[in-house]
Amino acid sequence: MRVFKTAWFARAAKRARIADADLCRAVREARRGRANDLGGGVLKKRLNRNLHRSILLAKGGQLWLYVHLFAKQDKASVTPAELAAFRKLAAIYAALNAKQLTELLLTGHLKEICREQE
């Protein structure tokens, strides 16, 4: 299992004081079904003692990517248009090969936050 966050998500999580260890723990919970599956490889996961919501993209249970964070007090969920965009983004990330993933890491677009062996 590999877990990543986008550069945008990294900045948002830092402002919300959400540590990488908490994100990795949340993915382990999501793998056990403790997240809202929005379909198309998109999940919504509660974070930070239920103060924030994250949008998490999943590929085959092995690749997880945090892409969006919002405060519960600001909005309850994503809009249908946002969900459609996240599903398209999930399909794009799911199609990445190892070389493309490495390129995103090297350019700083993605940051790997944890890797666990099954």
PDB file of N, CA and C in Angstrom:
ATOM      1  N   MET A   1       0.854  -1.175   0.000  1.00  0.00           N
ATOM      2  CA  MET A   1       0.000   0.000   0.000  1.00  0.00           C
ATOM      3  C   MET A   1       0.895   1.231   0.000  1.00  0.00           C
ATOM      4  N   ARG A   2       0.611   2.149  -0.924  1.00  0.00           N
ATOM      5  CA  ARG A   2       1.328   3.420  -0.992  1.00  0.00           C
ATOM      6  C   ARG A   2       0.306   4.550  -0.879  1.00  0.00           C
ATOM      7  N   VAL A   3       0.656   5.557  -0.079  1.00  0.00           N
ATOM      8  CA  VAL A   3      -0.243   6.681   0.152  1.00  0.00           C
ATOM      9  C   VAL A   3       0.478   7.976  -0.221  1.00  0.00           C
ATOM     10  N   PHE A   4      -0.220   8.811  -0.993  1.00  0.00           N
ATOM     11  CA  PHE A   4       0.328  10.067  -1.475  1.00  0.00           C
ATOM     12  C   PHE A   4      -0.619  11.207  -1.142  1.00  0.00           C
ATOM     13  N   LYS A   5      -0.088  12.426  -1.224  1.00  0.00           N
ATOM     14  CA  LYS A   5      -0.926  13.618  -1.154  1.00  0.00           C
ATOM     15  C   LYS A   5      -0.433  14.582  -2.219  1.00  0.00           C
ATOM     16  N   THR A   6      -1.361  15.352  -2.766  1.00  0.00           N
ATOM     17  CA  THR A   6      -0.989  16.354  -3.753  1.00  0.00           C
ATOM     18  C   THR A   6      -0.350  17.539  -3.030  1.00  0.00           C
ATOM     19  N   ALA A   7       0.338  18.378  -3.784  1.00  0.00           N
ATOM     20  CA  ALA A   7       0.956  19.575  -3.205  1.00  0.00           C
ATOM     21  C   ALA A   7      -0.118  20.467  -2.587  1.00  0.00           C
ATOM     22  N   TRP A   8      -1.268  20.608  -3.262  1.00  0.00           N
ATOM     23  CA  TRP A   8      -2.348  21.424  -2.718  1.00  0.00           C
ATOM     24  C   TRP A   8      -2.838  20.845  -1.392  1.00  0.00           C
ATOM     25  N   PHE A   9      -3.053  19.531  -1.368  1.00  0.00           N
ATOM     26  CA  PHE A   9      -3.543  18.892  -0.152  1.00  0.00           C
ATOM     27  C   PHE A   9      -2.527  19.053   0.982  1.00  0.00           C
ATOM     28  N   ALA A  10      -1.251  18.957   0.667  1.00  0.00           N
ATOM     29  CA  ALA A  10      -0.209  19.091   1.685  1.00  0.00           C
ATOM     30  C   ALA A  10      -0.302  20.451   2.383  1.00  0.00           C
ATOM     31  N   ARG A  11      -0.493  21.507   1.605  1.00  0.00           N
ATOM     32  CA  ARG A  11      -0.626  22.845   2.197  1.00  0.00           C
ATOM     33  C   ARG A  11      -1.892  22.945   3.053  1.00  0.00           C
ATOM     34  N   ALA A  12      -2.998  22.416   2.543  1.00  0.00           N
ATOM     35  CA  ALA A  12      -4.265  22.471   3.288  1.00  0.00           C
ATOM     36  C   ALA A  12      -4.172  21.666   4.585  1.00  0.00           C
ATOM     37  N   ALA A  13      -3.558  20.499   4.529  1.00  0.00           N
ATOM     38  CA  ALA A  13      -3.423  19.654   5.723  1.00  0.00           C
ATOM     39  C   ALA A  13      -2.516  20.320   6.759  1.00  0.00           C
ATOM     40  N   LYS A  14      -1.488  20.990   6.297  1.00  0.00           N
ATOM     41  CA  LYS A  14      -0.588  21.697   7.227  1.00  0.00           C
ATOM     42  C   LYS A  14      -1.347  22.799   7.954  1.00  0.00           C
ATOM     43  N   ARG A  15      -2.160  23.577   7.211  1.00  0.00           N
ATOM     44  CA  ARG A  15      -2.967  24.629   7.841  1.00  0.00           C
ATOM     45  C   ARG A  15      -3.961  24.045   8.844  1.00  0.00           C
ATOM     46  N   ALA A  16      -4.494  22.864   8.540  1.00  0.00           N
ATOM     47  CA  ALA A  16      -5.474  22.209   9.427  1.00  0.00           C
ATOM     48  C   ALA A  16      -4.794  21.391  10.531  1.00  0.00           C
ATOM     49  N   ARG A  17      -3.466  21.364  10.503  1.00  0.00           N
ATOM     50  CA  ARG A  17      -2.671  20.617  11.500  1.00  0.00           C
ATOM     51  C   ARG A  17      -2.994  19.123  11.499  1.00  0.00           C
ATOM     52  N   ILE A  18      -3.030  18.572  10.303  1.00  0.00           N
ATOM     53  CA  ILE A  18      -3.261  17.133  10.146  1.00  0.00           C
ATOM     54  C   ILE A  18      -1.936  16.510   9.733  1.00  0.00           C
ATOM     55  N   ALA A  19      -1.418  15.644  10.560  1.00  0.00           N
ATOM     56  CA  ALA A  19      -0.110  15.033  10.340  1.00  0.00           C
ATOM     57  C   ALA A  19      -0.195  13.871   9.348  1.00  0.00           C
ATOM     58  N   ASP A  20       0.931  13.586   8.703  1.00  0.00           N
ATOM     59  CA  ASP A  20       1.003  12.463   7.765  1.00  0.00           C
ATOM     60  C   ASP A  20       0.635  11.148   8.443  1.00  0.00           C
ATOM     61  N   ALA A  21       1.049  10.979   9.687  1.00  0.00           N
ATOM     62  CA  ALA A  21       0.721   9.741  10.409  1.00  0.00           C
ATOM     63  C   ALA A  21      -0.796   9.577  10.538  1.00  0.00           C
ATOM     64  N   ASP A  22      -1.502  10.681  10.743  1.00  0.00           N
ATOM     65  CA  ASP A  22      -2.964  10.626  10.832  1.00  0.00           C
ATOM     66  C   ASP A  22      -3.579  10.258   9.483  1.00  0.00           C
ATOM     67  N   LEU A  23      -2.985  10.757   8.399  1.00  0.00           N
ATOM     68  CA  LEU A  23      -3.472  10.424   7.059  1.00  0.00           C
ATOM     69  C   LEU A  23      -3.264   8.942   6.762  1.00  0.00           C
ATOM     70  N   CYS A  24      -2.121   8.416   7.144  1.00  0.00           N
ATOM     71  CA  CYS A  24      -1.860   6.985   6.924  1.00  0.00           C
ATOM     72  C   CYS A  24      -2.821   6.125   7.737  1.00  0.00           C
ATOM     73  N   ARG A  25      -3.088   6.522   8.958  1.00  0.00           N
ATOM     74  CA  ARG A  25      -4.036   5.795   9.813  1.00  0.00           C
ATOM     75  C   ARG A  25      -5.430   5.837   9.178  1.00  0.00           C
ATOM     76  N   ALA A  26      -5.805   6.979   8.623  1.00  0.00           N
ATOM     77  CA  ALA A  26      -7.118   7.118   7.994  1.00  0.00           C
ATOM     78  C   ALA A  26      -7.251   6.212   6.767  1.00  0.00           C
ATOM     79  N   VAL A  27      -6.171   6.029   6.017  1.00  0.00           N
ATOM     80  CA  VAL A  27      -6.219   5.120   4.864  1.00  0.00           C
ATOM     81  C   VAL A  27      -6.406   3.684   5.335  1.00  0.00           C
ATOM     82  N   ARG A  28      -5.728   3.308   6.395  1.00  0.00           N
ATOM     83  CA  ARG A  28      -5.914   1.948   6.932  1.00  0.00           C
ATOM     84  C   ARG A  28      -7.379   1.740   7.321  1.00  0.00           C
ATOM     85  N   GLU A  29      -8.010   2.768   7.899  1.00  0.00           N
ATOM     86  CA  GLU A  29      -9.427   2.676   8.243  1.00  0.00           C
ATOM     87  C   GLU A  29     -10.282   2.580   6.977  1.00  0.00           C
ATOM     88  N   ALA A  30      -9.949   3.372   5.980  1.00  0.00           N
ATOM     89  CA  ALA A  30     -10.705   3.350   4.721  1.00  0.00           C
ATOM     90  C   ALA A  30     -10.615   1.975   4.064  1.00  0.00           C
ATOM     91  N   ARG A  31      -9.464   1.343   4.149  1.00  0.00           N
ATOM     92  CA  ARG A  31      -9.303   0.000   3.586  1.00  0.00           C
ATOM     93  C   ARG A  31     -10.214  -1.002   4.273  1.00  0.00           C
ATOM     94  N   ARG A  32     -10.563  -0.745   5.523  1.00  0.00           N
ATOM     95  CA  ARG A  32     -11.468  -1.624   6.273  1.00  0.00           C
ATOM     96  C   ARG A  32     -12.929  -1.199   6.115  1.00  0.00           C
ATOM     97  N   GLY A  33     -13.187  -0.295   5.175  1.00  0.00           N
ATOM     98  CA  GLY A  33     -14.558   0.112   4.906  1.00  0.00           C
ATOM     99  C   GLY A  33     -15.062   1.275   5.723  1.00  0.00           C
ATOM    100  N   ARG A  34     -14.176   1.940   6.437  1.00  0.00           N
ATOM    101  CA  ARG A  34     -14.593   3.059   7.281  1.00  0.00           C
ATOM    102  C   ARG A  34     -14.385   4.394   6.567  1.00  0.00           C
ATOM    103  N   ALA A  35     -14.998   4.518   5.388  1.00  0.00           N
ATOM    104  CA  ALA A  35     -15.008   5.749   4.591  1.00  0.00           C
ATOM    105  C   ALA A  35     -16.252   5.695   3.713  1.00  0.00           C
ATOM    106  N   ASN A  36     -16.676   6.827   3.242  1.00  0.00           N
ATOM    107  CA  ASN A  36     -17.838   6.875   2.347  1.00  0.00           C
ATOM    108  C   ASN A  36     -17.357   6.680   0.920  1.00  0.00           C
ATOM    109  N   ASP A  37     -17.770   5.590   0.297  1.00  0.00           N
ATOM    110  CA  ASP A  37     -17.408   5.319  -1.092  1.00  0.00           C
ATOM    111  C   ASP A  37     -18.347   6.103  -1.995  1.00  0.00           C
ATOM    112  N   LEU A  38     -17.786   7.044  -2.747  1.00  0.00           N
ATOM    113  CA  LEU A  38     -18.585   7.891  -3.630  1.00  0.00           C
ATOM    114  C   LEU A  38     -18.599   7.365  -5.059  1.00  0.00           C
ATOM    115  N   GLY A  39     -17.975   6.216  -5.281  1.00  0.00           N
ATOM    116  CA  GLY A  39     -17.959   5.580  -6.597  1.00  0.00           C
ATOM    117  C   GLY A  39     -16.834   6.095  -7.479  1.00  0.00           C
ATOM    118  N   GLY A  40     -16.452   5.273  -8.430  1.00  0.00           N
ATOM    119  CA  GLY A  40     -15.427   5.667  -9.390  1.00  0.00           C
ATOM    120  C   GLY A  40     -14.042   5.845  -8.798  1.00  0.00           C
ATOM    121  N   GLY A  41     -13.748   5.160  -7.699  1.00  0.00           N
ATOM    122  CA  GLY A  41     -12.438   5.281  -7.061  1.00  0.00           C
ATOM    123  C   GLY A  41     -12.311   6.495  -6.164  1.00  0.00           C
ATOM    124  N   VAL A  42     -13.432   7.111  -5.804  1.00  0.00           N
ATOM    125  CA  VAL A  42     -13.429   8.316  -4.962  1.00  0.00           C
ATOM    126  C   VAL A  42     -14.064   7.981  -3.614  1.00  0.00           C
ATOM    127  N   LEU A  43     -13.364   8.351  -2.546  1.00  0.00           N
ATOM    128  CA  LEU A  43     -13.881   8.140  -1.193  1.00  0.00           C
ATOM    129  C   LEU A  43     -13.833   9.446  -0.421  1.00  0.00           C
ATOM    130  N   LYS A  44     -14.749   9.574   0.525  1.00  0.00           N
ATOM    131  CA  LYS A  44     -14.734  10.709   1.448  1.00  0.00           C
ATOM    132  C   LYS A  44     -14.409  10.156   2.823  1.00  0.00           C
ATOM    133  N   LYS A  45     -13.387  10.710   3.457  1.00  0.00           N
ATOM    134  CA  LYS A  45     -12.930  10.216   4.757  1.00  0.00           C
ATOM    135  C   LYS A  45     -12.884  11.362   5.761  1.00  0.00           C
ATOM    136  N   ARG A  46     -13.414  11.116   6.935  1.00  0.00           N
ATOM    137  CA  ARG A  46     -13.375  12.100   8.024  1.00  0.00           C
ATOM    138  C   ARG A  46     -11.974  12.126   8.625  1.00  0.00           C
ATOM    139  N   LEU A  47     -11.535  13.331   8.969  1.00  0.00           N
ATOM    140  CA  LEU A  47     -10.212  13.515   9.566  1.00  0.00           C
ATOM    141  C   LEU A  47     -10.292  14.481  10.741  1.00  0.00           C
ATOM    142  N   ASN A  48      -9.220  14.500  11.512  1.00  0.00           N
ATOM    143  CA  ASN A  48      -9.025  15.543  12.521  1.00  0.00           C
ATOM    144  C   ASN A  48     -10.201  15.627  13.488  1.00  0.00           C
ATOM    145  N   ARG A  49     -10.495  14.505  14.104  1.00  0.00           N
ATOM    146  CA  ARG A  49     -11.593  14.422  15.079  1.00  0.00           C
ATOM    147  C   ARG A  49     -12.918  14.906  14.497  1.00  0.00           C
ATOM    148  N   ASN A  50     -13.138  14.543  13.241  1.00  0.00           N
ATOM    149  CA  ASN A  50     -14.388  14.840  12.539  1.00  0.00           C
ATOM    150  C   ASN A  50     -14.564  16.328  12.207  1.00  0.00           C
ATOM    151  N   LEU A  51     -13.482  17.113  12.268  1.00  0.00           N
ATOM    152  CA  LEU A  51     -13.566  18.527  11.921  1.00  0.00           C
ATOM    153  C   LEU A  51     -13.415  18.765  10.421  1.00  0.00           C
ATOM    154  N   HIS A  52     -12.726  17.836   9.749  1.00  0.00           N
ATOM    155  CA  HIS A  52     -12.451  17.985   8.325  1.00  0.00           C
ATOM    156  C   HIS A  52     -12.865  16.742   7.554  1.00  0.00           C
ATOM    157  N   ARG A  53     -13.062  16.943   6.252  1.00  0.00           N
ATOM    158  CA  ARG A  53     -13.348  15.845   5.332  1.00  0.00           C
ATOM    159  C   ARG A  53     -12.271  15.863   4.258  1.00  0.00           C
ATOM    160  N   SER A  54     -11.871  14.691   3.839  1.00  0.00           N
ATOM    161  CA  SER A  54     -10.893  14.602   2.755  1.00  0.00           C
ATOM    162  C   SER A  54     -11.503  13.811   1.606  1.00  0.00           C
ATOM    163  N   ILE A  55     -11.026  14.116   0.415  1.00  0.00           N
ATOM    164  CA  ILE A  55     -11.366  13.318  -0.754  1.00  0.00           C
ATOM    165  C   ILE A  55     -10.121  12.516  -1.078  1.00  0.00           C
ATOM    166  N   LEU A  56     -10.328  11.222  -1.160  1.00  0.00           N
ATOM    167  CA  LEU A  56      -9.257  10.251  -1.317  1.00  0.00           C
ATOM    168  C   LEU A  56      -9.542   9.430  -2.567  1.00  0.00           C
ATOM    169  N   LEU A  57      -8.544   9.317  -3.425  1.00  0.00           N
ATOM    170  CA  LEU A  57      -8.683   8.500  -4.627  1.00  0.00           C
ATOM    171  C   LEU A  57      -7.993   7.172  -4.380  1.00  0.00           C
ATOM    172  N   ALA A  58      -8.592   6.090  -4.823  1.00  0.00           N
ATOM    173  CA  ALA A  58      -8.040   4.760  -4.578  1.00  0.00           C
ATOM    174  C   ALA A  58      -7.882   4.010  -5.891  1.00  0.00           C
ATOM    175  N   LYS A  59      -6.776   3.293  -5.979  1.00  0.00           N
ATOM    176  CA  LYS A  59      -6.532   2.448  -7.151  1.00  0.00           C
ATOM    177  C   LYS A  59      -6.223   1.042  -6.661  1.00  0.00           C
ATOM    178  N   GLY A  60      -7.158   0.153  -6.850  1.00  0.00           N
ATOM    179  CA  GLY A  60      -6.947  -1.256  -6.527  1.00  0.00           C
ATOM    180  C   GLY A  60      -6.557  -1.561  -5.096  1.00  0.00           C
ATOM    181  N   GLY A  61      -6.866  -0.664  -4.172  1.00  0.00           N
ATOM    182  CA  GLY A  61      -6.539  -0.900  -2.775  1.00  0.00           C
ATOM    183  C   GLY A  61      -5.060  -0.786  -2.460  1.00  0.00           C
ATOM    184  N   GLN A  62      -4.243  -0.464  -3.447  1.00  0.00           N
ATOM    185  CA  GLN A  62      -2.803  -0.384  -3.233  1.00  0.00           C
ATOM    186  C   GLN A  62      -2.249   1.029  -3.359  1.00  0.00           C
ATOM    187  N   LEU A  63      -2.905   1.869  -4.120  1.00  0.00           N
ATOM    188  CA  LEU A  63      -2.463   3.241  -4.327  1.00  0.00           C
ATOM    189  C   LEU A  63      -3.561   4.172  -3.836  1.00  0.00           C
ATOM    190  N   TRP A  64      -3.221   5.042  -2.901  1.00  0.00           N
ATOM    191  CA  TRP A  64      -4.184   5.959  -2.306  1.00  0.00           C
ATOM    192  C   TRP A  64      -3.646   7.374  -2.444  1.00  0.00           C
ATOM    193  N   LEU A  65      -4.528   8.313  -2.781  1.00  0.00           N
ATOM    194  CA  LEU A  65      -4.091   9.673  -3.045  1.00  0.00           C
ATOM    195  C   LEU A  65      -5.071  10.685  -2.456  1.00  0.00           C
ATOM    196  N   TYR A  66      -4.569  11.497  -1.530  1.00  0.00           N
ATOM    197  CA  TYR A  66      -5.365  12.585  -0.970  1.00  0.00           C
ATOM    198  C   TYR A  66      -5.317  13.772  -1.929  1.00  0.00           C
ATOM    199  N   VAL A  67      -6.510  14.263  -2.331  1.00  0.00           N
ATOM    200  CA  VAL A  67      -6.547  15.354  -3.302  1.00  0.00           C
ATOM    201  C   VAL A  67      -7.307  16.592  -2.825  1.00  0.00           C
ATOM    202  N   HIS A  68      -8.181  16.461  -1.842  1.00  0.00           N
ATOM    203  CA  HIS A  68      -8.999  17.614  -1.443  1.00  0.00           C
ATOM    204  C   HIS A  68      -9.303  17.525   0.045  1.00  0.00           C
ATOM    205  N   LEU A  69      -9.359  18.696   0.684  1.00  0.00           N
ATOM    206  CA  LEU A  69      -9.657  18.786   2.110  1.00  0.00           C
ATOM    207  C   LEU A  69     -10.587  19.970   2.333  1.00  0.00           C
ATOM    208  N   PHE A  70     -11.596  19.764   3.163  1.00  0.00           N
ATOM    209  CA  PHE A  70     -12.484  20.863   3.504  1.00  0.00           C
ATOM    210  C   PHE A  70     -12.983  20.694   4.926  1.00  0.00           C
ATOM    211  N   ALA A  71     -13.303  21.820   5.556  1.00  0.00           N
ATOM    212  CA  ALA A  71     -13.815  21.802   6.922  1.00  0.00           C
ATOM    213  C   ALA A  71     -15.295  21.437   6.906  1.00  0.00           C
ATOM    214  N   LYS A  72     -15.679  20.617   7.850  1.00  0.00           N
ATOM    215  CA  LYS A  72     -17.075  20.198   7.963  1.00  0.00           C
ATOM    216  C   LYS A  72     -17.991  21.407   8.140  1.00  0.00           C
ATOM    217  N   GLN A  73     -17.517  22.401   8.853  1.00  0.00           N
ATOM    218  CA  GLN A  73     -18.340  23.588   9.099  1.00  0.00           C
ATOM    219  C   GLN A  73     -18.561  24.421   7.836  1.00  0.00           C
ATOM    220  N   ASP A  74     -17.680  24.257   6.844  1.00  0.00           N
ATOM    221  CA  ASP A  74     -17.809  25.033   5.606  1.00  0.00           C
ATOM    222  C   ASP A  74     -18.778  24.408   4.603  1.00  0.00           C
ATOM    223  N   LYS A  75     -18.787  23.082   4.524  1.00  0.00           N
ATOM    224  CA  LYS A  75     -19.733  22.408   3.638  1.00  0.00           C
ATOM    225  C   LYS A  75     -19.857  20.948   4.046  1.00  0.00           C
ATOM    226  N   ALA A  76     -20.995  20.371   3.754  1.00  0.00           N
ATOM    227  CA  ALA A  76     -21.280  19.001   4.181  1.00  0.00           C
ATOM    228  C   ALA A  76     -20.607  17.968   3.288  1.00  0.00           C
ATOM    229  N   SER A  77     -20.548  18.259   1.994  1.00  0.00           N
ATOM    230  CA  SER A  77     -19.983  17.291   1.064  1.00  0.00           C
ATOM    231  C   SER A  77     -19.606  18.014  -0.220  1.00  0.00           C
ATOM    232  N   VAL A  78     -19.127  17.250  -1.172  1.00  0.00           N
ATOM    233  CA  VAL A  78     -18.779  17.827  -2.472  1.00  0.00           C
ATOM    234  C   VAL A  78     -20.034  17.931  -3.331  1.00  0.00           C
ATOM    235  N   THR A  79     -19.995  18.849  -4.274  1.00  0.00           N
ATOM    236  CA  THR A  79     -21.130  19.029  -5.184  1.00  0.00           C
ATOM    237  C   THR A  79     -21.093  17.930  -6.250  1.00  0.00           C
ATOM    238  N   PRO A  80     -22.193  17.715  -6.948  1.00  0.00           N
ATOM    239  CA  PRO A  80     -22.177  16.731  -8.042  1.00  0.00           C
ATOM    240  C   PRO A  80     -21.112  17.050  -9.104  1.00  0.00           C
ATOM    241  N   ALA A  81     -20.915  18.324  -9.406  1.00  0.00           N
ATOM    242  CA  ALA A  81     -19.891  18.703 -10.391  1.00  0.00           C
ATOM    243  C   ALA A  81     -18.487  18.370  -9.874  1.00  0.00           C
ATOM    244  N   GLU A  82     -18.246  18.635  -8.586  1.00  0.00           N
ATOM    245  CA  GLU A  82     -16.942  18.302  -7.995  1.00  0.00           C
ATOM    246  C   GLU A  82     -16.729  16.789  -8.008  1.00  0.00           C
ATOM    247  N   LEU A  83     -17.771  16.049  -7.680  1.00  0.00           N
ATOM    248  CA  LEU A  83     -17.660  14.589  -7.678  1.00  0.00           C
ATOM    249  C   LEU A  83     -17.318  14.072  -9.066  1.00  0.00           C
ATOM    250  N   ALA A  84     -17.958  14.602 -10.081  1.00  0.00           N
ATOM    251  CA  ALA A  84     -17.653  14.183 -11.454  1.00  0.00           C
ATOM    252  C   ALA A  84     -16.196  14.474 -11.792  1.00  0.00           C
ATOM    253  N   ALA A  85     -15.711  15.634 -11.363  1.00  0.00           N
ATOM    254  CA  ALA A  85     -14.309  15.987 -11.622  1.00  0.00           C
ATOM    255  C   ALA A  85     -13.366  15.055 -10.864  1.00  0.00           C
ATOM    256  N   PHE A  86     -13.699  14.726  -9.626  1.00  0.00           N
ATOM    257  CA  PHE A  86     -12.851  13.808  -8.860  1.00  0.00           C
ATOM    258  C   PHE A  86     -12.834  12.412  -9.481  1.00  0.00           C
ATOM    259  N   ARG A  87     -13.968  11.978 -10.026  1.00  0.00           N
ATOM    260  CA  ARG A  87     -14.000  10.668 -10.694  1.00  0.00           C
ATOM    261  C   ARG A  87     -13.120  10.668 -11.936  1.00  0.00           C
ATOM    262  N   LYS A  88     -13.121  11.771 -12.694  1.00  0.00           N
ATOM    263  CA  LYS A  88     -12.227  11.878 -13.852  1.00  0.00           C
ATOM    264  C   LYS A  88     -10.770  11.867 -13.405  1.00  0.00           C
ATOM    265  N   LEU A  89     -10.478  12.588 -12.326  1.00  0.00           N
ATOM    266  CA  LEU A  89      -9.123  12.626 -11.788  1.00  0.00           C
ATOM    267  C   LEU A  89      -8.686  11.242 -11.315  1.00  0.00           C
ATOM    268  N   ALA A  90      -9.599  10.508 -10.691  1.00  0.00           N
ATOM    269  CA  ALA A  90      -9.291   9.145 -10.240  1.00  0.00           C
ATOM    270  C   ALA A  90      -8.926   8.257 -11.422  1.00  0.00           C
ATOM    271  N   ALA A  91      -9.636   8.407 -12.531  1.00  0.00           N
ATOM    272  CA  ALA A  91      -9.337   7.616 -13.730  1.00  0.00           C
ATOM    273  C   ALA A  91      -7.966   7.975 -14.293  1.00  0.00           C
ATOM    274  N   ILE A  92      -7.618   9.249 -14.256  1.00  0.00           N
ATOM    275  CA  ILE A  92      -6.300   9.685 -14.739  1.00  0.00           C
ATOM    276  C   ILE A  92      -5.194   9.095 -13.878  1.00  0.00           C
ATOM    277  N   TYR A  93      -5.331   9.209 -12.559  1.00  0.00           N
ATOM    278  CA  TYR A  93      -4.309   8.661 -11.670  1.00  0.00           C
ATOM    279  C   TYR A  93      -4.233   7.140 -11.764  1.00  0.00           C
ATOM    280  N   ALA A  94      -5.367   6.492 -11.960  1.00  0.00           N
ATOM    281  CA  ALA A  94      -5.376   5.026 -12.073  1.00  0.00           C
ATOM    282  C   ALA A  94      -4.623   4.559 -13.308  1.00  0.00           C
ATOM    283  N   ALA A  95      -4.554   5.394 -14.331  1.00  0.00           N
ATOM    284  CA  ALA A  95      -3.881   5.025 -15.576  1.00  0.00           C
ATOM    285  C   ALA A  95      -2.377   5.308 -15.558  1.00  0.00           C
ATOM    286  N   LEU A  96      -1.879   5.929 -14.497  1.00  0.00           N
ATOM    287  CA  LEU A  96      -0.454   6.243 -14.438  1.00  0.00           C
ATOM    288  C   LEU A  96       0.395   4.983 -14.358  1.00  0.00           C
ATOM    289  N   ASN A  97       1.508   4.998 -15.058  1.00  0.00           N
ATOM    290  CA  ASN A  97       2.470   3.906 -14.913  1.00  0.00           C
ATOM    291  C   ASN A  97       3.525   4.332 -13.888  1.00  0.00           C
ATOM    292  N   ALA A  98       4.439   3.433 -13.558  1.00  0.00           N
ATOM    293  CA  ALA A  98       5.449   3.694 -12.527  1.00  0.00           C
ATOM    294  C   ALA A  98       6.330   4.892 -12.885  1.00  0.00           C
ATOM    295  N   LYS A  99       6.687   5.023 -14.152  1.00  0.00           N
ATOM    296  CA  LYS A  99       7.541   6.140 -14.582  1.00  0.00           C
ATOM    297  C   LYS A  99       6.820   7.478 -14.395  1.00  0.00           C
ATOM    298  N   GLN A 100       5.564   7.534 -14.767  1.00  0.00           N
ATOM    299  CA  GLN A 100       4.786   8.768 -14.620  1.00  0.00           C
ATOM    300  C   GLN A 100       4.605   9.133 -13.144  1.00  0.00           C
ATOM    301  N   LEU A 101       4.373   8.142 -12.321  1.00  0.00           N
ATOM    302  CA  LEU A 101       4.235   8.375 -10.884  1.00  0.00           C
ATOM    303  C   LEU A 101       5.531   8.941 -10.313  1.00  0.00           C
ATOM    304  N   THR A 102       6.654   8.368 -10.723  1.00  0.00           N
ATOM    305  CA  THR A 102       7.959   8.854 -10.273  1.00  0.00           C
ATOM    306  C   THR A 102       8.174  10.299 -10.706  1.00  0.00           C
ATOM    307  N   GLU A 103       7.778  10.629 -11.913  1.00  0.00           N
ATOM    308  CA  GLU A 103       7.909  12.001 -12.416  1.00  0.00           C
ATOM    309  C   GLU A 103       7.107  12.977 -11.554  1.00  0.00           C
ATOM    310  N   LEU A 104       5.891  12.600 -11.184  1.00  0.00           N
ATOM    311  CA  LEU A 104       5.071  13.458 -10.329  1.00  0.00           C
ATOM    312  C   LEU A 104       5.710  13.651  -8.953  1.00  0.00           C
ATOM    313  N   LEU A 105       6.349  12.613  -8.451  1.00  0.00           N
ATOM    314  CA  LEU A 105       7.051  12.719  -7.169  1.00  0.00           C
ATOM    315  C   LEU A 105       8.267  13.639  -7.289  1.00  0.00           C
ATOM    316  N   LEU A 106       9.045  13.466  -8.346  1.00  0.00           N
ATOM    317  CA  LEU A 106      10.262  14.265  -8.540  1.00  0.00           C
ATOM    318  C   LEU A 106       9.966  15.741  -8.768  1.00  0.00           C
ATOM    319  N   THR A 107       8.860  16.040  -9.409  1.00  0.00           N
ATOM    320  CA  THR A 107       8.507  17.438  -9.677  1.00  0.00           C
ATOM    321  C   THR A 107       7.779  18.103  -8.514  1.00  0.00           C
ATOM    322  N   GLY A 108       7.447  17.335  -7.491  1.00  0.00           N
ATOM    323  CA  GLY A 108       6.790  17.905  -6.317  1.00  0.00           C
ATOM    324  C   GLY A 108       5.283  17.989  -6.404  1.00  0.00           C
ATOM    325  N   HIS A 109       4.708  17.453  -7.471  1.00  0.00           N
ATOM    326  CA  HIS A 109       3.248  17.460  -7.576  1.00  0.00           C
ATOM    327  C   HIS A 109       2.612  16.494  -6.576  1.00  0.00           C
ATOM    328  N   LEU A 110       3.329  15.425  -6.273  1.00  0.00           N
ATOM    329  CA  LEU A 110       2.884  14.451  -5.279  1.00  0.00           C
ATOM    330  C   LEU A 110       3.968  14.256  -4.236  1.00  0.00           C
ATOM    331  N   LYS A 111       3.533  13.879  -3.046  1.00  0.00           N
ATOM    332  CA  LYS A 111       4.459  13.510  -1.974  1.00  0.00           C
ATOM    333  C   LYS A 111       3.988  12.183  -1.395  1.00  0.00           C
ATOM    334  N   GLU A 112       4.896  11.220  -1.312  1.00  0.00           N
ATOM    335  CA  GLU A 112       4.532   9.948  -0.695  1.00  0.00           C
ATOM    336  C   GLU A 112       4.626  10.096   0.808  1.00  0.00           C
ATOM    337  N   ILE A 113       3.569   9.702   1.502  1.00  0.00           N
ATOM    338  CA  ILE A 113       3.546   9.887   2.953  1.00  0.00           C
ATOM    339  C   ILE A 113       3.677   8.585   3.734  1.00  0.00           C
ATOM    340  N   CYS A 114       3.377   7.468   3.100  1.00  0.00           N
ATOM    341  CA  CYS A 114       3.647   6.188   3.759  1.00  0.00           C
ATOM    342  C   CYS A 114       3.574   5.057   2.731  1.00  0.00           C
ATOM    343  N   ARG A 115       4.277   3.998   3.071  1.00  0.00           N
ATOM    344  CA  ARG A 115       4.295   2.801   2.243  1.00  0.00           C
ATOM    345  C   ARG A 115       4.332   1.614   3.198  1.00  0.00           C
ATOM    346  N   GLU A 116       3.381   0.734   3.019  1.00  0.00           N
ATOM    347  CA  GLU A 116       3.303  -0.432   3.892  1.00  0.00           C
ATOM    348  C   GLU A 116       3.228  -1.686   3.062  1.00  0.00           C
ATOM    349  N   GLN A 117       3.916  -2.706   3.506  1.00  0.00           N
ATOM    350  CA  GLN A 117       3.858  -4.009   2.848  1.00  0.00           C
ATOM    351  C   GLN A 117       2.673  -4.782   3.392  1.00  0.00           C
ATOM    352  N   GLU A 118       2.048  -5.543   2.533  1.00  0.00           N
ATOM    353  CA  GLU A 118       0.900  -6.364   2.934  1.00  0.00           C
ATOM    354  C   GLU A 118       1.366  -7.533   3.767  1.00  0.00           C
TER     355      GLU A 118
END
